[in-house]
Amino acid sequence: MLVVESAVKHREFEYKKEDFRRIVKIIYKVSGISLSARKEDMVYSRLARRLRANSINRFSEYLNFVSKDNDEQKAFVNALTTNLTHFFREEHHFDYLSDVYFPELFAKSSKRIRFWSAGCSTGEEPYTLSMIWEHLTNKPSDIDFKILATDLDSNVIDSGKTGIYSVDKLVPVADEYLKWFKRTKGCTVNQKQVDPKLKEPIAFKQLNLMQDWPIKGPFQLIICRNVLIYFDKPTQKKLIKRYYDLLEPGGCLILGHSESLGDNRNLFEAKGKTIFRKLGNG
């Protein structure tokens, strides 16, 4: 008789369906991130390094540890968040800002300008904003200009604060902006660091979007790209409304290429692909 055995994946650590279900519940409770069943293998791969680091052989044991140790809970969240970014990513967004929106702000003669990069990863996005702003002003200014850069992952926040990037990361940067990157004492031969002038207006902060925001508006610009896709629909709706409340009338909200306003579309006017301007005075 021919016996056909189902293929069982050989894994370094014991990883059961119940472990994955627990992970889904924990990450949702802690961060609001919604993991689908197809992420089961990805979750194993991301968290396996944490089991090695703690000399633990079973996911069930590791999850018990996570529930009791705040530092490991942070490492757990950091391991499961995705941090794919680069300078001038989705360039059409920055074209709109430099060609249309920032000139509007200059024309208003506003003395207080606040931008928020929500989900800033390793800092390429807020540094891109800072570069464009400096390029357009190009002279000393009395404008109080600040950029808030936040992310759930404390590791990428620390990386962003250094402003050090491999030269490969600078490939998308146009020639007129390359002057803002120099090889400094803290760089290796294949790295450069952003100019201190670009760093000056940026405040990097670790922030969980599902918790209270110790943030005061109004903001002229909020960029939250490729973040909403990790949340369920009710959470997306709630976050967009919170962004709306923090924007000044006519303020700009920019989302990722595969994201939408959903049920909040009546609060904004579309100005381009995933570029929106706040309607009303709320």
C-alpha atoms as a PDB file:
ATOM      1  CA  MET A   1       0.000   0.000   0.000  1.00  0.00           C
ATOM      2  CA  LEU A   2       1.299   3.457  -0.932  1.00  0.00           C
ATOM      3  CA  VAL A   3       1.357   5.831   1.999  1.00  0.00           C
ATOM      4  CA  VAL A   4       1.478   9.541   1.213  1.00  0.00           C
ATOM      5  CA  GLU A   5       2.616  11.686   4.130  1.00  0.00           C
ATOM      6  CA  SER A   6       1.712  15.353   4.274  1.00  0.00           C
ATOM      7  CA  ALA A   7       4.677  17.653   4.074  1.00  0.00           C
ATOM      8  CA  VAL A   8       5.664  19.089   7.445  1.00  0.00           C
ATOM      9  CA  LYS A   9       7.944  22.064   7.506  1.00  0.00           C
ATOM     10  CA  HIS A  10      11.134  21.503   9.423  1.00  0.00           C
ATOM     11  CA  ARG A  11      11.589  24.395  11.778  1.00  0.00           C
ATOM     12  CA  GLU A  12      14.226  25.237  14.321  1.00  0.00           C
ATOM     13  CA  PHE A  13      11.623  26.154  16.949  1.00  0.00           C
ATOM     14  CA  GLU A  14       8.292  24.608  17.883  1.00  0.00           C
ATOM     15  CA  TYR A  15       5.624  26.784  16.253  1.00  0.00           C
ATOM     16  CA  LYS A  16       1.966  25.779  16.432  1.00  0.00           C
ATOM     17  CA  LYS A  17      -1.221  27.243  15.000  1.00  0.00           C
ATOM     18  CA  GLU A  18      -2.186  28.336  18.487  1.00  0.00           C
ATOM     19  CA  ASP A  19       1.105  30.234  18.779  1.00  0.00           C
ATOM     20  CA  PHE A  20       0.302  32.185  15.627  1.00  0.00           C
ATOM     21  CA  ARG A  21      -3.208  32.942  16.908  1.00  0.00           C
ATOM     22  CA  ARG A  22      -1.705  34.279  20.142  1.00  0.00           C
ATOM     23  CA  ILE A  23       0.740  36.437  18.177  1.00  0.00           C
ATOM     24  CA  VAL A  24      -2.117  37.881  16.111  1.00  0.00           C
ATOM     25  CA  LYS A  25      -3.993  38.824  19.294  1.00  0.00           C
ATOM     26  CA  ILE A  26      -0.950  40.311  21.038  1.00  0.00           C
ATOM     27  CA  ILE A  27       0.237  42.475  18.138  1.00  0.00           C
ATOM     28  CA  TYR A  28      -3.314  43.737  17.542  1.00  0.00           C
ATOM     29  CA  LYS A  29      -3.797  44.610  21.203  1.00  0.00           C
ATOM     30  CA  VAL A  30      -0.425  46.331  21.520  1.00  0.00           C
ATOM     31  CA  SER A  31      -0.213  48.140  18.178  1.00  0.00           C
ATOM     32  CA  GLY A  32      -3.485  47.771  16.260  1.00  0.00           C
ATOM     33  CA  ILE A  33      -1.662  45.890  13.487  1.00  0.00           C
ATOM     34  CA  SER A  34      -3.873  43.260  11.865  1.00  0.00           C
ATOM     35  CA  LEU A  35      -2.059  40.103  10.679  1.00  0.00           C
ATOM     36  CA  SER A  36      -3.722  37.824   8.127  1.00  0.00           C
ATOM     37  CA  ALA A  37      -3.293  34.040   8.037  1.00  0.00           C
ATOM     38  CA  ARG A  38      -0.929  34.303   5.071  1.00  0.00           C
ATOM     39  CA  LYS A  39       1.600  36.050   7.343  1.00  0.00           C
ATOM     40  CA  GLU A  40       2.166  32.898   9.406  1.00  0.00           C
ATOM     41  CA  ASP A  41       5.519  32.037   7.813  1.00  0.00           C
ATOM     42  CA  MET A  42       6.693  35.642   7.832  1.00  0.00           C
ATOM     43  CA  VAL A  43       5.929  35.875  11.546  1.00  0.00           C
ATOM     44  CA  TYR A  44       7.980  32.758  12.244  1.00  0.00           C
ATOM     45  CA  SER A  45      10.922  34.135  10.288  1.00  0.00           C
ATOM     46  CA  ARG A  46      10.806  37.537  12.005  1.00  0.00           C
ATOM     47  CA  LEU A  47      10.445  36.199  15.545  1.00  0.00           C
ATOM     48  CA  ALA A  48      12.842  33.253  15.286  1.00  0.00           C
ATOM     49  CA  ARG A  49      15.763  35.618  15.912  1.00  0.00           C
ATOM     50  CA  ARG A  50      14.131  36.720  19.169  1.00  0.00           C
ATOM     51  CA  LEU A  51      13.884  33.112  20.346  1.00  0.00           C
ATOM     52  CA  ARG A  52      17.572  32.635  19.535  1.00  0.00           C
ATOM     53  CA  ALA A  53      18.509  35.816  21.359  1.00  0.00           C
ATOM     54  CA  ASN A  54      16.696  34.621  24.470  1.00  0.00           C
ATOM     55  CA  SER A  55      17.730  30.935  24.198  1.00  0.00           C
ATOM     56  CA  ILE A  56      14.100  29.807  24.001  1.00  0.00           C
ATOM     57  CA  ASN A  57      13.047  26.754  21.972  1.00  0.00           C
ATOM     58  CA  ARG A  58       9.261  27.058  21.810  1.00  0.00           C
ATOM     59  CA  PHE A  59       7.083  29.920  20.610  1.00  0.00           C
ATOM     60  CA  SER A  60       4.602  29.234  23.409  1.00  0.00           C
ATOM     61  CA  GLU A  61       7.345  29.803  25.966  1.00  0.00           C
ATOM     62  CA  TYR A  62       8.539  32.924  24.163  1.00  0.00           C
ATOM     63  CA  LEU A  63       5.030  34.422  24.118  1.00  0.00           C
ATOM     64  CA  ASN A  64       4.724  33.820  27.862  1.00  0.00           C
ATOM     65  CA  PHE A  65       7.978  35.757  28.235  1.00  0.00           C
ATOM     66  CA  VAL A  66       6.695  38.597  26.033  1.00  0.00           C
ATOM     67  CA  SER A  67       3.606  38.968  28.223  1.00  0.00           C
ATOM     68  CA  LYS A  68       5.775  39.518  31.312  1.00  0.00           C
ATOM     69  CA  ASP A  69       8.717  41.561  30.010  1.00  0.00           C
ATOM     70  CA  ASN A  70       8.193  45.114  28.707  1.00  0.00           C
ATOM     71  CA  ASP A  71      11.576  45.303  26.974  1.00  0.00           C
ATOM     72  CA  GLU A  72      10.946  42.072  25.093  1.00  0.00           C
ATOM     73  CA  GLN A  73       7.473  43.263  24.146  1.00  0.00           C
ATOM     74  CA  LYS A  74       9.139  46.240  22.414  1.00  0.00           C
ATOM     75  CA  ALA A  75      11.547  43.878  20.636  1.00  0.00           C
ATOM     76  CA  PHE A  76       8.559  41.702  19.630  1.00  0.00           C
ATOM     77  CA  VAL A  77       6.772  44.685  18.065  1.00  0.00           C
ATOM     78  CA  ASN A  78       9.950  45.929  16.371  1.00  0.00           C
ATOM     79  CA  ALA A  79      10.513  42.505  14.814  1.00  0.00           C
ATOM     80  CA  LEU A  80       7.017  42.410  13.311  1.00  0.00           C
ATOM     81  CA  THR A  81       6.927  45.909  11.822  1.00  0.00           C
ATOM     82  CA  THR A  82       7.993  46.534   8.229  1.00  0.00           C
ATOM     83  CA  ASN A  83      10.391  49.382   7.451  1.00  0.00           C
ATOM     84  CA  LEU A  84      10.721  49.688   3.690  1.00  0.00           C
ATOM     85  CA  THR A  85      11.483  53.251   2.620  1.00  0.00           C
ATOM     86  CA  HIS A  86      13.815  55.425   0.586  1.00  0.00           C
ATOM     87  CA  PHE A  87      14.442  59.073  -0.225  1.00  0.00           C
ATOM     88  CA  PHE A  88      11.812  60.641  -2.521  1.00  0.00           C
ATOM     89  CA  ARG A  89       9.694  57.483  -2.447  1.00  0.00           C
ATOM     90  CA  GLU A  90       6.514  57.945  -4.559  1.00  0.00           C
ATOM     91  CA  GLU A  91       8.099  61.007  -6.127  1.00  0.00           C
ATOM     92  CA  HIS A  92       4.813  62.475  -7.384  1.00  0.00           C
ATOM     93  CA  HIS A  93       3.937  63.293  -3.767  1.00  0.00           C
ATOM     94  CA  PHE A  94       7.038  65.429  -3.384  1.00  0.00           C
ATOM     95  CA  ASP A  95       6.478  67.027  -6.796  1.00  0.00           C
ATOM     96  CA  TYR A  96       3.074  68.225  -5.577  1.00  0.00           C
ATOM     97  CA  LEU A  97       4.540  69.551  -2.344  1.00  0.00           C
ATOM     98  CA  SER A  98       7.412  71.412  -4.007  1.00  0.00           C
ATOM     99  CA  ASP A  99       5.478  72.712  -7.037  1.00  0.00           C
ATOM    100  CA  VAL A 100       2.077  73.461  -5.507  1.00  0.00           C
ATOM    101  CA  TYR A 101       1.613  73.156  -1.769  1.00  0.00           C
ATOM    102  CA  PHE A 102       4.792  74.614  -0.284  1.00  0.00           C
ATOM    103  CA  PRO A 103       4.573  77.724  -2.529  1.00  0.00           C
ATOM    104  CA  GLU A 104       1.004  78.150  -1.225  1.00  0.00           C
ATOM    105  CA  LEU A 105       2.322  78.117   2.329  1.00  0.00           C
ATOM    106  CA  PHE A 106       4.981  80.697   1.456  1.00  0.00           C
ATOM    107  CA  ALA A 107       2.327  82.914  -0.151  1.00  0.00           C
ATOM    108  CA  LYS A 108       0.290  82.845   3.068  1.00  0.00           C
ATOM    109  CA  SER A 109       3.301  84.231   4.959  1.00  0.00           C
ATOM    110  CA  SER A 110       2.653  81.732   7.741  1.00  0.00           C
ATOM    111  CA  LYS A 111       5.051  82.109  10.660  1.00  0.00           C
ATOM    112  CA  ARG A 112       4.427  78.658  12.150  1.00  0.00           C
ATOM    113  CA  ILE A 113       4.730  75.559   9.958  1.00  0.00           C
ATOM    114  CA  ARG A 114       4.303  72.016  11.281  1.00  0.00           C
ATOM    115  CA  PHE A 115       4.689  68.776   9.307  1.00  0.00           C
ATOM    116  CA  TRP A 116       4.209  65.246  10.632  1.00  0.00           C
ATOM    117  CA  SER A 117       5.793  62.160   9.105  1.00  0.00           C
ATOM    118  CA  ALA A 118       3.738  59.381  10.751  1.00  0.00           C
ATOM    119  CA  GLY A 119       5.495  56.062  10.218  1.00  0.00           C
ATOM    120  CA  CYS A 120       8.814  57.696   9.359  1.00  0.00           C
ATOM    121  CA  SER A 121      10.866  54.474   9.491  1.00  0.00           C
ATOM    122  CA  THR A 122      14.615  55.222   9.306  1.00  0.00           C
ATOM    123  CA  GLY A 123      14.097  58.892   8.495  1.00  0.00           C
ATOM    124  CA  GLU A 124      14.328  59.177   4.715  1.00  0.00           C
ATOM    125  CA  GLU A 125      10.853  60.716   4.476  1.00  0.00           C
ATOM    126  CA  PRO A 126      11.285  63.568   7.001  1.00  0.00           C
ATOM    127  CA  TYR A 127      14.765  64.318   5.662  1.00  0.00           C
ATOM    128  CA  THR A 128      13.294  64.518   2.149  1.00  0.00           C
ATOM    129  CA  LEU A 129      10.746  67.055   3.416  1.00  0.00           C
ATOM    130  CA  SER A 130      13.495  69.041   5.118  1.00  0.00           C
ATOM    131  CA  MET A 131      15.618  69.038   1.941  1.00  0.00           C
ATOM    132  CA  ILE A 132      12.781  70.314  -0.234  1.00  0.00           C
ATOM    133  CA  TRP A 133      11.848  73.006   2.279  1.00  0.00           C
ATOM    134  CA  GLU A 134      15.448  74.243   2.543  1.00  0.00           C
ATOM    135  CA  HIS A 135      15.841  74.133  -1.228  1.00  0.00           C
ATOM    136  CA  LEU A 136      12.759  76.304  -1.737  1.00  0.00           C
ATOM    137  CA  THR A 137      13.453  78.826   1.024  1.00  0.00           C
ATOM    138  CA  ASN A 138      17.179  79.035   0.209  1.00  0.00           C
ATOM    139  CA  LYS A 139      17.717  81.912   2.642  1.00  0.00           C
ATOM    140  CA  PRO A 140      17.484  82.690   6.364  1.00  0.00           C
ATOM    141  CA  SER A 141      13.863  82.786   7.461  1.00  0.00           C
ATOM    142  CA  ASP A 142      11.891  83.778  10.546  1.00  0.00           C
ATOM    143  CA  ILE A 143       9.405  80.942   9.952  1.00  0.00           C
ATOM    144  CA  ASP A 144       9.055  78.580  12.915  1.00  0.00           C
ATOM    145  CA  PHE A 145       9.413  75.349  10.925  1.00  0.00           C
ATOM    146  CA  LYS A 146       9.282  71.916  12.599  1.00  0.00           C
ATOM    147  CA  ILE A 147       8.874  68.316  11.414  1.00  0.00           C
ATOM    148  CA  LEU A 148       7.600  65.635  13.779  1.00  0.00           C
ATOM    149  CA  ALA A 149       8.871  62.179  12.755  1.00  0.00           C
ATOM    150  CA  THR A 150       7.291  59.215  14.544  1.00  0.00           C
ATOM    151  CA  ASP A 151       7.337  55.448  14.300  1.00  0.00           C
ATOM    152  CA  LEU A 152       6.258  52.498  16.416  1.00  0.00           C
ATOM    153  CA  ASP A 153       9.668  50.827  16.000  1.00  0.00           C
ATOM    154  CA  SER A 154      12.171  52.317  18.448  1.00  0.00           C
ATOM    155  CA  ASN A 155      15.109  50.854  16.508  1.00  0.00           C
ATOM    156  CA  VAL A 156      14.337  52.783  13.320  1.00  0.00           C
ATOM    157  CA  ILE A 157      13.815  55.967  15.336  1.00  0.00           C
ATOM    158  CA  ASP A 158      17.333  55.590  16.735  1.00  0.00           C
ATOM    159  CA  SER A 159      18.650  55.004  13.214  1.00  0.00           C
ATOM    160  CA  GLY A 160      16.841  58.065  11.859  1.00  0.00           C
ATOM    161  CA  LYS A 161      18.311  60.282  14.561  1.00  0.00           C
ATOM    162  CA  THR A 162      21.843  59.496  13.372  1.00  0.00           C
ATOM    163  CA  GLY A 163      21.061  60.591   9.810  1.00  0.00           C
ATOM    164  CA  ILE A 164      23.696  58.182   8.497  1.00  0.00           C
ATOM    165  CA  TYR A 165      22.890  56.276   5.283  1.00  0.00           C
ATOM    166  CA  SER A 166      24.708  53.989   2.893  1.00  0.00           C
ATOM    167  CA  VAL A 167      25.629  55.629  -0.410  1.00  0.00           C
ATOM    168  CA  ASP A 168      23.300  53.126  -2.121  1.00  0.00           C
ATOM    169  CA  LYS A 169      20.380  54.820  -0.326  1.00  0.00           C
ATOM    170  CA  LEU A 170      21.294  58.110  -2.014  1.00  0.00           C
ATOM    171  CA  VAL A 171      20.715  56.829  -5.565  1.00  0.00           C
ATOM    172  CA  PRO A 172      17.179  58.363  -5.792  1.00  0.00           C
ATOM    173  CA  VAL A 173      18.448  61.754  -4.582  1.00  0.00           C
ATOM    174  CA  ALA A 174      18.706  64.367  -7.359  1.00  0.00           C
ATOM    175  CA  ASP A 175      22.037  66.122  -7.884  1.00  0.00           C
ATOM    176  CA  GLU A 176      20.862  69.433  -6.428  1.00  0.00           C
ATOM    177  CA  TYR A 177      20.140  67.726  -3.099  1.00  0.00           C
ATOM    178  CA  LEU A 178      23.324  65.661  -2.773  1.00  0.00           C
ATOM    179  CA  LYS A 179      25.105  68.646  -1.225  1.00  0.00           C
ATOM    180  CA  TRP A 180      23.206  67.844   1.979  1.00  0.00           C
ATOM    181  CA  PHE A 181      25.104  64.574   2.471  1.00  0.00           C
ATOM    182  CA  LYS A 182      28.728  64.405   3.591  1.00  0.00           C
ATOM    183  CA  ARG A 183      31.119  61.779   4.850  1.00  0.00           C
ATOM    184  CA  THR A 184      31.649  62.550   8.537  1.00  0.00           C
ATOM    185  CA  LYS A 185      33.647  61.089  11.388  1.00  0.00           C
ATOM    186  CA  GLY A 186      30.886  58.603  12.253  1.00  0.00           C
ATOM    187  CA  CYS A 187      30.602  57.205   8.703  1.00  0.00           C
ATOM    188  CA  THR A 188      32.221  54.192   7.105  1.00  0.00           C
ATOM    189  CA  VAL A 189      33.680  54.455   3.607  1.00  0.00           C
ATOM    190  CA  ASN A 190      30.262  53.521   2.147  1.00  0.00           C
ATOM    191  CA  GLN A 191      28.197  55.929   4.242  1.00  0.00           C
ATOM    192  CA  LYS A 192      27.277  59.611   4.362  1.00  0.00           C
ATOM    193  CA  GLN A 193      25.466  61.723   6.936  1.00  0.00           C
ATOM    194  CA  VAL A 194      22.820  64.387   6.457  1.00  0.00           C
ATOM    195  CA  ASP A 195      23.828  67.982   7.080  1.00  0.00           C
ATOM    196  CA  PRO A 196      23.022  69.234  10.623  1.00  0.00           C
ATOM    197  CA  LYS A 197      20.869  71.973   9.062  1.00  0.00           C
ATOM    198  CA  LEU A 198      18.462  69.307   7.767  1.00  0.00           C
ATOM    199  CA  LYS A 199      18.347  67.664  11.185  1.00  0.00           C
ATOM    200  CA  GLU A 200      17.632  70.897  13.012  1.00  0.00           C
ATOM    201  CA  PRO A 201      13.838  71.098  12.478  1.00  0.00           C
ATOM    202  CA  ILE A 202      13.187  67.351  12.901  1.00  0.00           C
ATOM    203  CA  ALA A 203      12.107  65.743  16.182  1.00  0.00           C
ATOM    204  CA  PHE A 204      12.202  61.931  16.100  1.00  0.00           C
ATOM    205  CA  LYS A 205       9.796  60.293  18.571  1.00  0.00           C
ATOM    206  CA  GLN A 206       8.628  56.741  19.228  1.00  0.00           C
ATOM    207  CA  LEU A 207       4.825  56.704  18.998  1.00  0.00           C
ATOM    208  CA  ASN A 208       2.134  54.051  19.032  1.00  0.00           C
ATOM    209  CA  LEU A 209      -0.685  55.345  16.822  1.00  0.00           C
ATOM    210  CA  MET A 210      -3.210  53.305  18.812  1.00  0.00           C
ATOM    211  CA  GLN A 211      -2.464  55.146  22.038  1.00  0.00           C
ATOM    212  CA  ASP A 212      -2.886  58.777  23.099  1.00  0.00           C
ATOM    213  CA  TRP A 213      -0.981  61.288  20.982  1.00  0.00           C
ATOM    214  CA  PRO A 214       0.900  63.897  23.042  1.00  0.00           C
ATOM    215  CA  ILE A 215       0.704  66.137  19.981  1.00  0.00           C
ATOM    216  CA  LYS A 216      -0.655  69.626  19.429  1.00  0.00           C
ATOM    217  CA  GLY A 217      -1.854  70.869  16.070  1.00  0.00           C
ATOM    218  CA  PRO A 218      -2.557  72.352  13.788  1.00  0.00           C
ATOM    219  CA  PHE A 219      -0.405  70.698  11.137  1.00  0.00           C
ATOM    220  CA  GLN A 220      -0.127  71.960   7.576  1.00  0.00           C
ATOM    221  CA  LEU A 221       0.986  68.516   6.368  1.00  0.00           C
ATOM    222  CA  ILE A 222       0.601  64.942   7.614  1.00  0.00           C
ATOM    223  CA  ILE A 223       2.214  62.112   5.660  1.00  0.00           C
ATOM    224  CA  CYS A 224       1.168  58.603   6.666  1.00  0.00           C
ATOM    225  CA  ARG A 225       2.198  56.323   3.816  1.00  0.00           C
ATOM    226  CA  ASN A 226       1.985  52.546   3.755  1.00  0.00           C
ATOM    227  CA  VAL A 227       0.928  52.430   7.404  1.00  0.00           C
ATOM    228  CA  LEU A 228      -2.862  52.135   7.188  1.00  0.00           C
ATOM    229  CA  ILE A 229      -2.561  48.893   5.221  1.00  0.00           C
ATOM    230  CA  TYR A 230      -1.521  47.147   8.446  1.00  0.00           C
ATOM    231  CA  PHE A 231      -4.752  48.086  10.242  1.00  0.00           C
ATOM    232  CA  ASP A 232      -8.328  46.863   9.881  1.00  0.00           C
ATOM    233  CA  LYS A 233     -10.996  49.128   8.354  1.00  0.00           C
ATOM    234  CA  PRO A 234     -12.436  50.499  11.636  1.00  0.00           C
ATOM    235  CA  THR A 235      -8.933  51.428  12.818  1.00  0.00           C
ATOM    236  CA  GLN A 236      -8.118  53.073   9.477  1.00  0.00           C
ATOM    237  CA  LYS A 237     -11.285  55.175   9.711  1.00  0.00           C
ATOM    238  CA  LYS A 238     -10.452  56.240  13.259  1.00  0.00           C
ATOM    239  CA  LEU A 239      -6.875  57.218  12.387  1.00  0.00           C
ATOM    240  CA  ILE A 240      -7.865  59.284   9.345  1.00  0.00           C
ATOM    241  CA  LYS A 241     -10.423  61.193  11.451  1.00  0.00           C
ATOM    242  CA  ARG A 242      -7.731  61.890  14.058  1.00  0.00           C
ATOM    243  CA  TYR A 243      -5.426  63.196  11.322  1.00  0.00           C
ATOM    244  CA  TYR A 244      -8.275  65.357  10.012  1.00  0.00           C
ATOM    245  CA  ASP A 245      -8.772  66.894  13.445  1.00  0.00           C
ATOM    246  CA  LEU A 246      -5.071  67.827  13.664  1.00  0.00           C
ATOM    247  CA  LEU A 247      -4.841  69.417  10.210  1.00  0.00           C
ATOM    248  CA  GLU A 248      -5.530  73.091   9.653  1.00  0.00           C
ATOM    249  CA  PRO A 249      -8.301  73.907   7.129  1.00  0.00           C
ATOM    250  CA  GLY A 250      -6.879  73.206   3.683  1.00  0.00           C
ATOM    251  CA  GLY A 251      -4.092  71.149   5.238  1.00  0.00           C
ATOM    252  CA  CYS A 252      -2.605  68.288   3.256  1.00  0.00           C
ATOM    253  CA  LEU A 253      -2.843  64.559   4.039  1.00  0.00           C
ATOM    254  CA  ILE A 254      -0.783  62.123   1.968  1.00  0.00           C
ATOM    255  CA  LEU A 255      -1.322  58.349   2.076  1.00  0.00           C
ATOM    256  CA  GLY A 256       0.473  55.410   0.454  1.00  0.00           C
ATOM    257  CA  HIS A 257      -0.163  54.308  -3.136  1.00  0.00           C
ATOM    258  CA  SER A 258      -2.509  51.452  -2.163  1.00  0.00           C
ATOM    259  CA  GLU A 259      -4.373  53.311   0.593  1.00  0.00           C
ATOM    260  CA  SER A 260      -7.605  55.303   0.536  1.00  0.00           C
ATOM    261  CA  LEU A 261      -9.780  57.505   2.742  1.00  0.00           C
ATOM    262  CA  GLY A 262     -12.589  54.954   2.834  1.00  0.00           C
ATOM    263  CA  ASP A 263     -15.639  56.333   4.650  1.00  0.00           C
ATOM    264  CA  ASN A 264     -13.771  59.581   5.408  1.00  0.00           C
ATOM    265  CA  ARG A 265     -13.641  60.702   1.772  1.00  0.00           C
ATOM    266  CA  ASN A 266     -16.216  63.447   2.427  1.00  0.00           C
ATOM    267  CA  LEU A 267     -13.741  65.170   4.775  1.00  0.00           C
ATOM    268  CA  PHE A 268     -11.135  65.820   2.076  1.00  0.00           C
ATOM    269  CA  GLU A 269     -10.710  66.975  -1.504  1.00  0.00           C
ATOM    270  CA  ALA A 270      -8.479  64.818  -3.723  1.00  0.00           C
ATOM    271  CA  LYS A 271      -5.593  66.706  -5.339  1.00  0.00           C
ATOM    272  CA  GLY A 272      -3.703  63.829  -6.926  1.00  0.00           C
ATOM    273  CA  LYS A 273      -2.965  60.156  -6.388  1.00  0.00           C
ATOM    274  CA  THR A 274      -3.424  59.682  -2.611  1.00  0.00           C
ATOM    275  CA  ILE A 275      -2.974  63.433  -2.025  1.00  0.00           C
ATOM    276  CA  PHE A 276      -5.830  65.055  -0.110  1.00  0.00           C
ATOM    277  CA  ARG A 277      -6.683  68.512   1.257  1.00  0.00           C
ATOM    278  CA  LYS A 278      -8.843  69.023   4.329  1.00  0.00           C
ATOM    279  CA  LEU A 279     -12.322  70.455   3.771  1.00  0.00           C
ATOM    280  CA  GLY A 280     -14.197  72.603   6.269  1.00  0.00           C
ATOM    281  CA  ASN A 281     -13.096  74.307   9.450  1.00  0.00           C
ATOM    282  CA  GLY A 282     -13.251  71.338  11.840  1.00  0.00           C
END
